[in-house]
Protein backbone atom coordinates (compact mmCIF):
# COMPACT_ATOMS: atom_id res chain seq x y z
CA UNK A 1 0.00 0.00 0.00
CA UNK A 2 1.40 3.36 -0.93
CA UNK A 3 1.58 6.22 1.53
CA UNK A 4 -0.86 8.22 -0.61
CA UNK A 5 -3.38 5.37 -0.67
CA UNK A 6 -3.19 4.93 3.10
CA UNK A 7 -3.60 8.65 3.68
CA UNK A 8 -6.47 8.91 1.22
CA UNK A 9 -8.24 5.94 2.78
CA UNK A 10 -7.84 7.43 6.28
CA UNK A 11 -9.19 10.83 5.19
CA UNK A 12 -12.05 9.23 3.28
CA UNK A 13 -13.10 7.29 6.40
CA UNK A 14 -13.10 10.59 8.32
CA UNK A 15 -15.66 12.00 5.86
CA UNK A 16 -13.41 13.93 3.49
CA UNK A 17 -14.17 13.79 -0.23
CA UNK A 18 -10.86 12.41 -1.54
CA UNK A 19 -9.95 12.46 -5.23
CA UNK A 20 -6.83 11.04 -6.88
CA UNK A 21 -5.30 12.24 -10.13
CA UNK A 22 -2.47 10.95 -12.24
CA UNK A 23 -1.01 10.89 -15.71
CA UNK A 24 -2.32 7.49 -16.79
CA UNK A 25 -5.68 5.74 -16.83
CA UNK A 26 -4.76 3.13 -14.21
CA UNK A 27 -3.89 3.06 -10.52
CA UNK A 28 -0.92 0.84 -9.69
CA UNK A 29 -0.43 -0.37 -6.14
CA UNK A 30 2.59 -2.49 -5.20
CA UNK A 31 1.81 -6.20 -5.06
CA UNK A 32 3.45 -9.25 -3.59
CA UNK A 33 6.50 -8.73 -5.82
CA UNK A 34 8.03 -5.81 -7.73
CA UNK A 35 6.89 -7.27 -11.03
CA UNK A 36 3.34 -8.00 -9.83
CA UNK A 37 1.57 -4.68 -9.20
CA UNK A 38 -2.14 -4.51 -8.49
CA UNK A 39 -3.70 -2.47 -11.28
CA UNK A 40 -7.11 -0.77 -11.14
CA UNK A 41 -9.00 1.62 -13.39
CA UNK A 42 -9.29 5.20 -12.17
CA UNK A 43 -12.69 5.51 -10.56
CA UNK A 44 -12.42 2.23 -8.69
CA UNK A 45 -13.50 3.01 -5.13
CA UNK A 46 -11.07 2.65 -2.26
CA UNK A 47 -13.42 0.10 -0.73
CA UNK A 48 -13.35 -2.03 -3.89
CA UNK A 49 -9.55 -1.87 -4.00
CA UNK A 50 -9.28 -2.70 -0.30
CA UNK A 51 -11.60 -5.69 -0.58
CA UNK A 52 -9.76 -6.97 -3.65
CA UNK A 53 -6.37 -6.65 -1.96
CA UNK A 54 -7.70 -8.28 1.20
CA UNK A 55 -9.02 -11.20 -0.83
CA UNK A 56 -5.69 -11.61 -2.67
CA UNK A 57 -3.46 -11.64 0.39
CA UNK A 58 -4.85 -10.80 3.82
CA UNK A 59 -1.49 -11.14 5.60
CA UNK A 60 0.23 -8.76 3.17
CA UNK A 61 -2.65 -6.29 3.44
CA UNK A 62 -2.58 -6.28 7.26
CA UNK A 63 1.20 -5.73 7.21
CA UNK A 64 0.85 -2.89 4.68
CA UNK A 65 -1.83 -1.14 6.72
CA UNK A 66 0.28 -1.44 9.88
CA UNK A 67 3.42 -0.27 8.10
CA UNK A 68 1.59 2.74 6.62
CA UNK A 69 -0.07 3.65 9.91
CA UNK A 70 3.16 3.44 11.89
CA UNK A 71 5.44 5.02 9.30
CA UNK A 72 7.36 1.84 8.62
C-alpha atoms as a PDB file:
ATOM      1  CA  UNK A   1       0.000   0.000   0.000  1.00  0.00           C
ATOM      2  CA  UNK A   2       1.396   3.362  -0.931  1.00  0.00           C
ATOM      3  CA  UNK A   3       1.580   6.220   1.526  1.00  0.00           C
ATOM      4  CA  UNK A   4      -0.864   8.223  -0.610  1.00  0.00           C
ATOM      5  CA  UNK A   5      -3.383   5.368  -0.672  1.00  0.00           C
ATOM      6  CA  UNK A   6      -3.189   4.926   3.100  1.00  0.00           C
ATOM      7  CA  UNK A   7      -3.600   8.648   3.680  1.00  0.00           C
ATOM      8  CA  UNK A   8      -6.474   8.912   1.220  1.00  0.00           C
ATOM      9  CA  UNK A   9      -8.238   5.942   2.781  1.00  0.00           C
ATOM     10  CA  UNK A  10      -7.835   7.434   6.275  1.00  0.00           C
ATOM     11  CA  UNK A  11      -9.193  10.830   5.193  1.00  0.00           C
ATOM     12  CA  UNK A  12     -12.054   9.225   3.278  1.00  0.00           C
ATOM     13  CA  UNK A  13     -13.102   7.287   6.396  1.00  0.00           C
ATOM     14  CA  UNK A  14     -13.104  10.587   8.316  1.00  0.00           C
ATOM     15  CA  UNK A  15     -15.659  12.001   5.863  1.00  0.00           C
ATOM     16  CA  UNK A  16     -13.405  13.931   3.490  1.00  0.00           C
ATOM     17  CA  UNK A  17     -14.170  13.790  -0.232  1.00  0.00           C
ATOM     18  CA  UNK A  18     -10.859  12.414  -1.536  1.00  0.00           C
ATOM     19  CA  UNK A  19      -9.953  12.457  -5.232  1.00  0.00           C
ATOM     20  CA  UNK A  20      -6.833  11.045  -6.880  1.00  0.00           C
ATOM     21  CA  UNK A  21      -5.303  12.242 -10.130  1.00  0.00           C
ATOM     22  CA  UNK A  22      -2.466  10.954 -12.236  1.00  0.00           C
ATOM     23  CA  UNK A  23      -1.014  10.890 -15.705  1.00  0.00           C
ATOM     24  CA  UNK A  24      -2.325   7.488 -16.788  1.00  0.00           C
ATOM     25  CA  UNK A  25      -5.677   5.740 -16.834  1.00  0.00           C
ATOM     26  CA  UNK A  26      -4.755   3.129 -14.208  1.00  0.00           C
ATOM     27  CA  UNK A  27      -3.889   3.064 -10.522  1.00  0.00           C
ATOM     28  CA  UNK A  28      -0.925   0.843  -9.687  1.00  0.00           C
ATOM     29  CA  UNK A  29      -0.434  -0.369  -6.142  1.00  0.00           C
ATOM     30  CA  UNK A  30       2.588  -2.490  -5.205  1.00  0.00           C
ATOM     31  CA  UNK A  31       1.812  -6.196  -5.060  1.00  0.00           C
ATOM     32  CA  UNK A  32       3.445  -9.254  -3.588  1.00  0.00           C
ATOM     33  CA  UNK A  33       6.502  -8.728  -5.821  1.00  0.00           C
ATOM     34  CA  UNK A  34       8.031  -5.814  -7.726  1.00  0.00           C
ATOM     35  CA  UNK A  35       6.891  -7.270 -11.033  1.00  0.00           C
ATOM     36  CA  UNK A  36       3.336  -8.004  -9.831  1.00  0.00           C
ATOM     37  CA  UNK A  37       1.574  -4.684  -9.200  1.00  0.00           C
ATOM     38  CA  UNK A  38      -2.139  -4.510  -8.485  1.00  0.00           C
ATOM     39  CA  UNK A  39      -3.699  -2.469 -11.283  1.00  0.00           C
ATOM     40  CA  UNK A  40      -7.115  -0.768 -11.142  1.00  0.00           C
ATOM     41  CA  UNK A  41      -8.997   1.623 -13.391  1.00  0.00           C
ATOM     42  CA  UNK A  42      -9.295   5.201 -12.166  1.00  0.00           C
ATOM     43  CA  UNK A  43     -12.694   5.514 -10.564  1.00  0.00           C
ATOM     44  CA  UNK A  44     -12.418   2.228  -8.685  1.00  0.00           C
ATOM     45  CA  UNK A  45     -13.501   3.007  -5.130  1.00  0.00           C
ATOM     46  CA  UNK A  46     -11.069   2.652  -2.261  1.00  0.00           C
ATOM     47  CA  UNK A  47     -13.420   0.100  -0.730  1.00  0.00           C
ATOM     48  CA  UNK A  48     -13.352  -2.035  -3.894  1.00  0.00           C
ATOM     49  CA  UNK A  49      -9.548  -1.871  -3.997  1.00  0.00           C
ATOM     50  CA  UNK A  50      -9.276  -2.697  -0.300  1.00  0.00           C
ATOM     51  CA  UNK A  51     -11.598  -5.690  -0.582  1.00  0.00           C
ATOM     52  CA  UNK A  52      -9.765  -6.974  -3.653  1.00  0.00           C
ATOM     53  CA  UNK A  53      -6.372  -6.649  -1.961  1.00  0.00           C
ATOM     54  CA  UNK A  54      -7.702  -8.283   1.196  1.00  0.00           C
ATOM     55  CA  UNK A  55      -9.020 -11.203  -0.835  1.00  0.00           C
ATOM     56  CA  UNK A  56      -5.692 -11.611  -2.673  1.00  0.00           C
ATOM     57  CA  UNK A  57      -3.465 -11.643   0.390  1.00  0.00           C
ATOM     58  CA  UNK A  58      -4.852 -10.804   3.816  1.00  0.00           C
ATOM     59  CA  UNK A  59      -1.489 -11.145   5.601  1.00  0.00           C
ATOM     60  CA  UNK A  60       0.231  -8.762   3.165  1.00  0.00           C
ATOM     61  CA  UNK A  61      -2.654  -6.292   3.442  1.00  0.00           C
ATOM     62  CA  UNK A  62      -2.581  -6.276   7.264  1.00  0.00           C
ATOM     63  CA  UNK A  63       1.204  -5.726   7.211  1.00  0.00           C
ATOM     64  CA  UNK A  64       0.852  -2.889   4.676  1.00  0.00           C
ATOM     65  CA  UNK A  65      -1.828  -1.136   6.723  1.00  0.00           C
ATOM     66  CA  UNK A  66       0.276  -1.442   9.878  1.00  0.00           C
ATOM     67  CA  UNK A  67       3.422  -0.266   8.098  1.00  0.00           C
ATOM     68  CA  UNK A  68       1.592   2.741   6.619  1.00  0.00           C
ATOM     69  CA  UNK A  69      -0.072   3.650   9.909  1.00  0.00           C
ATOM     70  CA  UNK A  70       3.161   3.442  11.889  1.00  0.00           C
ATOM     71  CA  UNK A  71       5.439   5.015   9.298  1.00  0.00           C
ATOM     72  CA  UNK A  72       7.358   1.836   8.625  1.00  0.00           C
END
